[in-house]
Protein backbone atom coordinates (compact mmCIF):
# COMPACT_ATOMS: atom_id res chain seq x y z
CA MET A 1 159.04 78.65 40.51
CA THR A 2 155.87 77.39 38.84
CA THR A 3 155.81 73.82 37.60
CA TYR A 4 154.32 74.41 34.16
CA LEU A 5 152.33 71.51 32.66
CA ASP A 6 150.00 73.36 30.27
CA ASN A 7 151.88 73.11 26.97
CA ALA A 8 148.71 72.16 25.07
CA ALA A 9 147.63 75.77 25.63
CA THR A 10 151.00 77.35 24.85
CA SER A 11 154.55 76.06 25.17
CA PHE A 12 156.65 77.33 28.08
CA PRO A 13 159.47 77.90 28.49
CA LYS A 14 160.64 78.61 24.96
CA PRO A 15 164.10 77.51 23.80
CA GLU A 16 166.77 80.08 24.65
CA ALA A 17 167.36 80.64 20.94
CA VAL A 18 163.81 81.99 20.62
CA TYR A 19 164.35 84.61 23.32
CA GLN A 20 167.62 85.62 21.70
CA ALA A 21 166.01 85.94 18.25
CA LEU A 22 163.17 88.07 19.63
CA ASP A 23 165.56 90.37 21.43
CA LYS A 24 167.93 90.76 18.46
CA PHE A 25 165.16 91.47 15.94
CA ALA A 26 163.37 93.90 18.26
CA ARG A 27 166.59 95.86 18.76
CA THR A 28 167.90 95.91 15.18
CA ASP A 29 165.36 95.22 12.42
CA MET A 30 161.81 95.74 13.68
CA ALA A 31 160.59 97.88 10.81
CA ASN A 32 157.44 97.47 8.70
CA PRO A 33 158.19 94.84 6.03
CA GLY A 34 158.30 96.12 2.48
CA ARG A 35 159.51 94.55 -0.72
CA ALA A 36 160.78 97.84 -2.12
CA GLY A 37 161.66 99.78 1.01
CA HIS A 38 164.77 100.70 2.99
CA LYS A 39 167.27 98.20 4.41
CA MET A 40 165.40 97.62 7.66
CA ALA A 41 162.10 97.07 5.80
CA LEU A 42 163.82 94.57 3.51
CA ALA A 43 165.32 92.81 6.54
CA ALA A 44 161.85 92.52 8.06
CA GLU A 45 160.49 91.12 4.80
CA HIS A 46 163.32 88.59 4.80
CA VAL A 47 162.21 87.38 8.25
CA LEU A 48 158.75 86.64 6.86
CA ASP A 49 160.18 84.85 3.82
CA ASP A 50 162.48 82.81 6.04
CA GLY A 51 159.58 81.83 8.30
CA ARG A 52 157.50 80.67 5.34
CA HIS A 53 160.46 78.74 3.94
CA ARG A 54 161.01 76.91 7.23
CA LEU A 55 157.30 76.06 7.47
CA ASN A 56 157.30 74.72 3.91
CA GLN A 57 160.27 72.47 4.68
CA LEU A 58 158.77 71.30 7.96
CA VAL A 59 155.44 70.08 6.55
CA ASN A 60 156.32 69.45 2.87
CA GLY A 61 154.14 72.10 1.26
CA LYS A 62 153.97 72.89 -2.43
CA ALA A 63 155.59 76.32 -2.11
CA SER A 64 156.55 78.69 0.71
CA GLU A 65 154.30 81.48 -0.58
CA ARG A 66 151.28 79.24 0.06
CA PHE A 67 151.79 79.78 3.83
CA ILE A 68 149.66 82.69 5.03
CA LEU A 69 150.91 84.20 8.29
CA THR A 70 148.07 84.66 10.78
CA LEU A 71 147.40 85.84 14.33
CA ASN A 72 146.92 82.28 15.62
CA CYS A 73 145.29 78.99 14.63
CA THR A 74 141.79 80.41 15.22
CA ASP A 75 142.51 83.20 12.76
CA ALA A 76 143.77 80.67 10.20
CA LEU A 77 140.67 78.50 10.59
CA ASN A 78 138.29 81.43 10.21
CA MET A 79 140.19 82.54 7.13
CA ALA A 80 139.76 79.07 5.64
CA PHE A 81 136.09 78.59 6.53
CA LYS A 82 134.94 82.05 5.51
CA GLY A 83 137.07 82.14 2.39
CA VAL A 84 136.18 78.71 1.04
CA ILE A 85 132.69 77.70 2.18
CA GLN A 86 129.75 79.02 0.17
CA ALA A 87 125.99 79.04 0.71
CA GLY A 88 124.47 75.59 0.30
CA ASP A 89 127.69 73.69 0.95
CA HIS A 90 127.84 70.63 3.18
CA VAL A 91 130.70 70.34 5.70
CA ILE A 92 131.84 67.32 7.69
CA THR A 93 133.63 67.65 11.03
CA SER A 94 133.89 65.62 14.26
CA ASP A 95 132.95 65.77 17.93
CA LEU A 96 136.65 66.08 18.84
CA GLU A 97 137.02 69.63 17.59
CA HIS A 98 138.15 72.73 19.42
CA ASN A 99 135.72 75.66 19.43
CA SER A 100 137.93 77.31 16.80
CA VAL A 101 136.47 74.76 14.40
CA SER A 102 133.10 74.07 16.01
CA ARG A 103 131.89 77.62 16.61
CA PRO A 104 132.33 79.14 13.14
CA LEU A 105 130.85 76.04 11.50
CA ARG A 106 127.93 75.88 13.93
CA ALA A 107 127.24 79.59 13.40
CA MET A 108 127.11 79.03 9.63
CA GLU A 109 124.75 76.11 10.18
CA LEU A 110 122.44 78.08 12.47
CA ALA A 111 122.38 80.91 9.94
CA GLY A 112 121.15 78.46 7.30
CA HIS A 113 124.30 79.04 5.28
CA ILE A 114 125.55 75.43 5.32
CA SER A 115 124.56 71.92 6.38
CA LEU A 116 126.87 70.26 8.89
CA THR A 117 127.60 66.66 9.89
CA ARG A 118 129.53 65.99 13.10
CA VAL A 119 131.01 62.47 13.06
CA LYS A 120 131.47 60.80 16.45
CA ALA A 121 134.76 59.37 17.69
CA ASP A 122 134.93 55.88 19.19
CA GLY A 123 135.34 55.16 22.90
CA GLY A 124 139.11 55.63 22.65
CA GLY A 125 138.77 59.02 21.00
CA THR A 126 139.53 58.07 17.39
CA ILE A 127 137.57 58.92 14.22
CA ASN A 128 136.81 56.03 11.84
CA PRO A 129 137.48 57.10 8.23
CA ASP A 130 134.58 54.88 7.13
CA ASP A 131 132.22 57.13 9.10
CA ILE A 132 133.62 60.15 7.28
CA GLN A 133 133.14 58.45 3.94
CA ALA A 134 129.56 57.50 4.79
CA ALA A 135 128.78 61.15 5.57
CA ILE A 136 129.94 62.51 2.19
CA THR A 137 127.15 63.76 -0.07
CA PRO A 138 127.17 65.39 -3.52
CA LYS A 139 127.10 68.78 -1.74
CA THR A 140 130.05 68.09 0.56
CA LYS A 141 132.60 70.87 0.06
CA LEU A 142 134.93 70.39 3.02
CA ILE A 143 136.06 67.91 5.66
CA ALA A 144 137.54 69.66 8.72
CA ILE A 145 139.29 67.44 11.29
CA THR A 146 141.73 67.92 14.14
CA HIS A 147 144.99 66.00 13.87
CA ALA A 148 144.98 65.32 17.62
CA SER A 149 142.40 66.03 20.29
CA ASN A 150 143.39 68.74 22.75
CA VAL A 151 141.47 66.84 25.45
CA THR A 152 142.25 63.13 24.96
CA GLY A 153 145.53 63.53 23.07
CA THR A 154 144.49 60.94 20.48
CA ILE A 155 146.05 61.27 17.01
CA GLN A 156 143.60 60.86 14.14
CA PRO A 157 144.16 58.87 10.90
CA VAL A 158 144.32 62.02 8.79
CA ALA A 159 146.20 60.39 5.90
CA ASP A 160 143.36 57.87 5.43
CA ILE A 161 140.73 60.59 5.68
CA GLY A 162 142.68 62.80 3.29
CA ARG A 163 142.97 60.03 0.73
CA LEU A 164 139.23 59.39 0.64
CA ALA A 165 138.57 63.14 0.49
CA ARG A 166 140.84 63.47 -2.54
CA GLU A 167 139.19 60.47 -4.20
CA ARG A 168 135.81 62.17 -3.79
CA ASP A 169 137.18 65.61 -4.80
CA VAL A 170 136.32 67.10 -1.40
CA LEU A 171 138.59 69.70 0.21
CA PHE A 172 140.39 68.51 3.33
CA LEU A 173 141.29 70.84 6.22
CA VAL A 174 143.41 69.70 9.15
CA ASP A 175 143.74 71.57 12.45
CA CYS A 176 147.30 70.83 13.62
CA ALA A 177 147.22 72.91 16.79
CA GLN A 178 148.33 69.96 18.95
CA THR A 179 150.68 68.21 16.51
CA ILE A 180 152.70 70.78 14.58
CA GLY A 181 156.31 70.49 15.75
CA VAL A 182 155.55 67.33 17.77
CA VAL A 183 154.70 64.59 15.26
CA PRO A 184 155.39 64.53 11.50
CA VAL A 185 152.94 66.40 9.29
CA ASP A 186 153.26 65.88 5.54
CA ILE A 187 150.86 67.91 3.42
CA GLN A 188 151.47 65.84 0.30
CA ALA A 189 151.33 62.38 1.90
CA MET A 190 148.24 63.30 3.93
CA PHE A 191 146.39 64.87 0.97
CA ILE A 192 145.85 68.10 2.92
CA ASP A 193 144.36 71.10 1.11
CA LEU A 194 144.19 73.50 4.07
CA LEU A 195 146.46 73.25 7.11
CA ALA A 196 145.88 75.54 10.11
CA PHE A 197 148.20 75.80 13.09
CA PRO A 198 149.50 78.18 15.79
CA GLY A 199 153.09 79.30 16.16
CA HIS A 200 153.03 79.49 19.96
CA LYS A 201 152.66 75.81 20.83
CA GLY A 202 154.87 73.13 19.25
CA LEU A 203 156.74 75.66 17.11
CA PHE A 204 157.84 77.57 20.26
CA GLY A 205 157.06 81.03 18.90
CA PRO A 206 155.37 83.75 20.97
CA THR A 207 151.62 84.16 21.12
CA GLY A 208 150.08 86.06 18.23
CA THR A 209 151.62 83.77 15.59
CA GLY A 210 150.22 81.08 13.31
CA ALA A 211 149.71 80.16 9.69
CA LEU A 212 147.32 78.75 7.12
CA TYR A 213 148.60 76.65 4.24
CA VAL A 214 146.44 76.96 1.13
CA SER A 215 146.89 74.33 -1.58
CA PRO A 216 146.81 75.39 -5.24
CA ARG A 217 143.66 73.22 -5.48
CA VAL A 218 141.76 75.62 -3.22
CA LYS A 219 139.69 78.52 -4.49
CA ILE A 220 139.58 81.02 -1.63
CA SER A 221 138.45 84.60 -1.07
CA PRO A 222 140.39 87.02 1.19
CA TRP A 223 138.98 87.37 4.68
CA ARG A 224 141.12 90.40 5.53
CA GLU A 225 141.93 93.09 3.00
CA GLY A 226 144.28 96.04 3.22
CA GLY A 227 147.89 97.04 2.80
CA THR A 228 150.41 94.49 1.53
CA GLY A 229 153.69 96.39 1.58
CA GLY A 230 154.13 96.06 -2.18
CA ASP A 231 151.42 96.56 -4.80
CA SER A 232 149.70 99.74 -3.61
CA SER A 233 148.08 100.67 -6.93
CA SER A 234 145.57 97.82 -7.18
CA GLU A 235 142.04 98.82 -6.12
CA THR A 236 141.44 95.40 -4.58
CA GLN A 237 143.64 92.84 -2.87
CA PRO A 238 146.51 91.74 -5.19
CA LYS A 239 146.08 88.16 -6.42
CA GLU A 240 149.67 87.14 -5.69
CA PHE A 241 150.19 84.76 -2.77
CA PRO A 242 150.76 85.22 0.13
CA TYR A 243 149.71 88.89 -0.09
CA PHE A 244 146.26 87.97 -1.42
CA LEU A 245 145.35 86.77 2.08
CA GLU A 246 147.69 88.88 4.22
CA GLY A 247 146.15 92.32 4.57
CA GLY A 248 147.81 94.58 7.13
CA THR A 249 151.11 94.65 8.95
CA PRO A 250 152.07 91.16 10.11
CA ASN A 251 153.60 90.18 13.44
CA VAL A 252 157.17 90.18 12.14
CA LEU A 253 158.67 90.02 15.64
CA GLY A 254 156.59 86.95 16.40
CA VAL A 255 157.60 85.28 13.15
CA ALA A 256 161.27 85.89 13.99
CA GLY A 257 160.71 83.99 17.24
CA MET A 258 158.71 81.25 15.54
CA SER A 259 161.45 80.74 12.94
CA ALA A 260 164.00 80.32 15.70
CA GLY A 261 161.68 77.81 17.35
CA ILE A 262 161.37 75.79 14.14
CA GLN A 263 165.14 75.80 13.75
CA TRP A 264 165.53 74.54 17.33
CA LEU A 265 162.95 71.75 17.07
CA THR A 266 164.35 70.60 13.71
CA ALA A 267 167.79 70.26 15.30
CA GLU A 268 166.32 68.43 18.33
CA GLY A 269 164.16 66.14 16.21
CA LEU A 270 160.40 65.68 16.37
CA GLY A 271 160.77 62.03 17.35
CA LYS A 272 162.84 62.94 20.40
CA ILE A 273 160.37 65.60 21.53
CA HIS A 274 157.33 63.35 21.05
CA LYS A 275 158.99 60.41 22.82
CA HIS A 276 159.89 62.57 25.82
CA GLU A 277 156.40 64.04 26.18
CA VAL A 278 154.50 60.76 25.85
CA GLU A 279 156.88 59.02 28.26
CA LEU A 280 156.01 61.67 30.84
CA THR A 281 152.27 61.21 30.27
CA GLU A 282 152.67 57.43 30.51
CA ARG A 283 154.50 57.91 33.82
CA LEU A 284 151.67 60.12 35.02
CA TRP A 285 149.00 57.63 33.94
CA ASN A 286 150.75 54.80 35.82
CA GLN A 287 150.95 56.93 38.97
CA LEU A 288 147.29 57.93 38.68
CA ASP A 289 146.41 54.23 38.57
CA GLU A 290 148.18 53.81 41.91
CA ILE A 291 146.27 56.70 43.49
CA GLY A 292 142.88 55.25 42.52
CA GLY A 293 139.52 56.93 42.18
CA ILE A 294 140.64 58.67 38.99
CA ASP A 295 139.30 58.19 35.46
CA VAL A 296 141.75 58.84 32.61
CA PHE A 297 140.37 59.42 29.10
CA GLY A 298 141.54 58.29 25.68
CA HIS A 299 143.24 55.09 24.57
CA ARG A 300 146.54 53.90 26.03
CA ASP A 301 148.51 53.37 22.81
CA PHE A 302 151.16 56.01 23.36
CA SER A 303 152.45 55.72 19.80
CA LYS A 304 149.14 57.24 18.68
CA ARG A 305 148.91 60.03 21.23
CA VAL A 306 150.48 63.40 21.87
CA GLY A 307 151.70 64.39 25.31
CA THR A 308 148.31 65.43 26.66
CA LEU A 309 146.39 63.56 29.32
CA SER A 310 142.98 64.36 30.82
CA PHE A 311 141.53 62.84 33.96
CA ARG A 312 138.68 63.22 36.44
CA SER A 313 138.72 62.61 40.18
CA GLU A 314 135.75 61.10 41.98
CA ALA A 315 136.52 63.25 45.01
CA LEU A 316 136.94 66.78 43.62
CA ALA A 317 135.68 68.72 40.60
CA ALA A 318 138.31 69.60 38.01
CA THR A 319 138.17 73.35 38.66
CA GLU A 320 138.62 72.85 42.41
CA LEU A 321 141.52 70.49 41.87
CA GLY A 322 143.13 72.87 39.40
CA GLY A 323 142.75 75.78 41.82
CA ILE A 324 144.35 73.93 44.71
CA LEU A 325 147.25 72.74 42.52
CA ASP A 326 147.85 76.33 41.43
CA GLN A 327 147.45 78.14 44.73
CA ALA A 328 148.88 75.60 47.18
CA PHE A 329 151.47 73.76 45.08
CA ASP A 330 152.36 76.25 42.30
CA ILE A 331 151.56 73.69 39.59
CA ALA A 332 150.00 74.99 36.36
CA ILE A 333 147.57 72.61 34.64
CA ARG A 334 144.33 73.31 32.75
CA PRO A 335 140.98 72.35 34.33
CA GLY A 336 137.59 72.66 32.65
CA LEU A 337 136.19 72.12 29.16
CA HIS A 338 139.32 73.18 27.20
CA CYS A 339 137.24 75.01 24.56
CA ALA A 340 136.04 71.60 23.33
CA PRO A 341 132.54 70.98 24.74
CA TYR A 342 131.55 68.29 22.23
CA VAL A 343 134.44 66.06 23.33
CA HIS A 344 133.43 66.40 26.96
CA LYS A 345 129.80 65.59 26.13
CA ALA A 346 131.02 62.47 24.30
CA ILE A 347 133.19 61.22 27.18
CA GLY A 348 130.66 62.15 29.87
CA THR A 349 132.58 64.97 31.56
CA PHE A 350 130.33 67.90 30.57
CA PRO A 351 129.83 70.47 32.07
CA GLU A 352 132.51 70.11 34.78
CA GLY A 353 135.29 69.04 32.41
CA THR A 354 138.56 67.38 33.33
CA VAL A 355 142.04 68.15 34.59
CA ARG A 356 144.37 68.34 31.58
CA VAL A 357 148.12 67.83 31.97
CA SER A 358 150.39 68.53 29.00
CA PRO A 359 154.16 68.37 29.54
CA GLY A 360 156.60 69.88 27.07
CA PRO A 361 160.16 69.20 25.97
CA PHE A 362 161.57 70.97 29.04
CA SER A 363 159.31 69.13 31.52
CA THR A 364 160.94 66.52 33.75
CA THR A 365 160.07 63.35 35.63
CA GLU A 366 160.42 65.44 38.80
CA ASP A 367 157.61 67.69 37.53
CA ILE A 368 155.33 64.67 37.08
CA ASP A 369 156.27 63.27 40.47
CA LYS A 370 155.59 66.65 42.09
CA LEU A 371 152.13 66.68 40.51
CA THR A 372 151.23 63.16 41.62
CA GLY A 373 152.60 63.86 45.09
CA ALA A 374 150.33 66.89 45.30
CA LEU A 375 147.35 64.89 44.04
CA LYS A 376 147.94 62.21 46.68
CA GLU A 377 148.05 64.88 49.38
CA ILE A 378 144.91 66.64 48.14
CA LEU A 379 142.83 63.52 47.51
CA SER A 380 143.80 61.77 50.75
């Protein structure tokens, strides 16, 4: 059986309750959701409402209807960028971002649509809010920052950045792909206007799930338009949330699984999950120190990290190491650039990248020991 240590990409395995919820919904209620339809359609609509309600409780949103169900975090981010940013706007981001943030913003910049400032993280992988503040201009419309780097695992001071954004009346978007369901996220306390996240990582849903929270402060245009299962007479997208931004049939099956995942993690407790994952990465870091000839990236304050650790070996390139671990030892990690080239340029690992290890709540100390044992054998 594969030793799976790639939870930063997608969580695996899922809690048993998620598999049960997917199976039950698929067998009994998987109709097209409709607010005025038959019993199965109403049951499907209830699944969506329940999912939004659980998300609202989890991250302290203003209202459950402000959560737009999306295909993934990338979909949510594109919806935010292309629905909010207008010609001539200035946007601030960082060099820690995933391509889901970097690519759409860079494309807008290259097209002459916006101006873009990319703030650099410090040597430990943390953004200084003062650097964000210094970058704000009268034309700044949006600050878009990751909550935690998917390469270094470092958690960013988003509450401090959000506070200064609100003081300057600038919209604040946070990409919570690596933190949702792992560390506390509070939309109100962090002054977040737009929150994008996947359902298939820390929320334990299947792939093809995610959401975008849109604050009442945000003026946004729909990125997708189409059927909404309710108001069919309007010539354009109905203005009522969430349907204003939810054109087309949603992934109701996926949301049923995601809701079960949220219920499971809430019962387990975010603190317990985070503690377990960072303890495993700390164990790994200590063992890598003993092996020698390995550079580990990011700071070592585990209270300000998620359970993701990236390293480079002096002896073997990341892709070679990842291939050997997979083929010879049946260990799944993620080598390469992790869809975050600017981070790797900043830490000096571009273009080869690093080996990224990301345990999950079901990972064990034996998994970590198996990995380090394999590394010792390969690198000796």
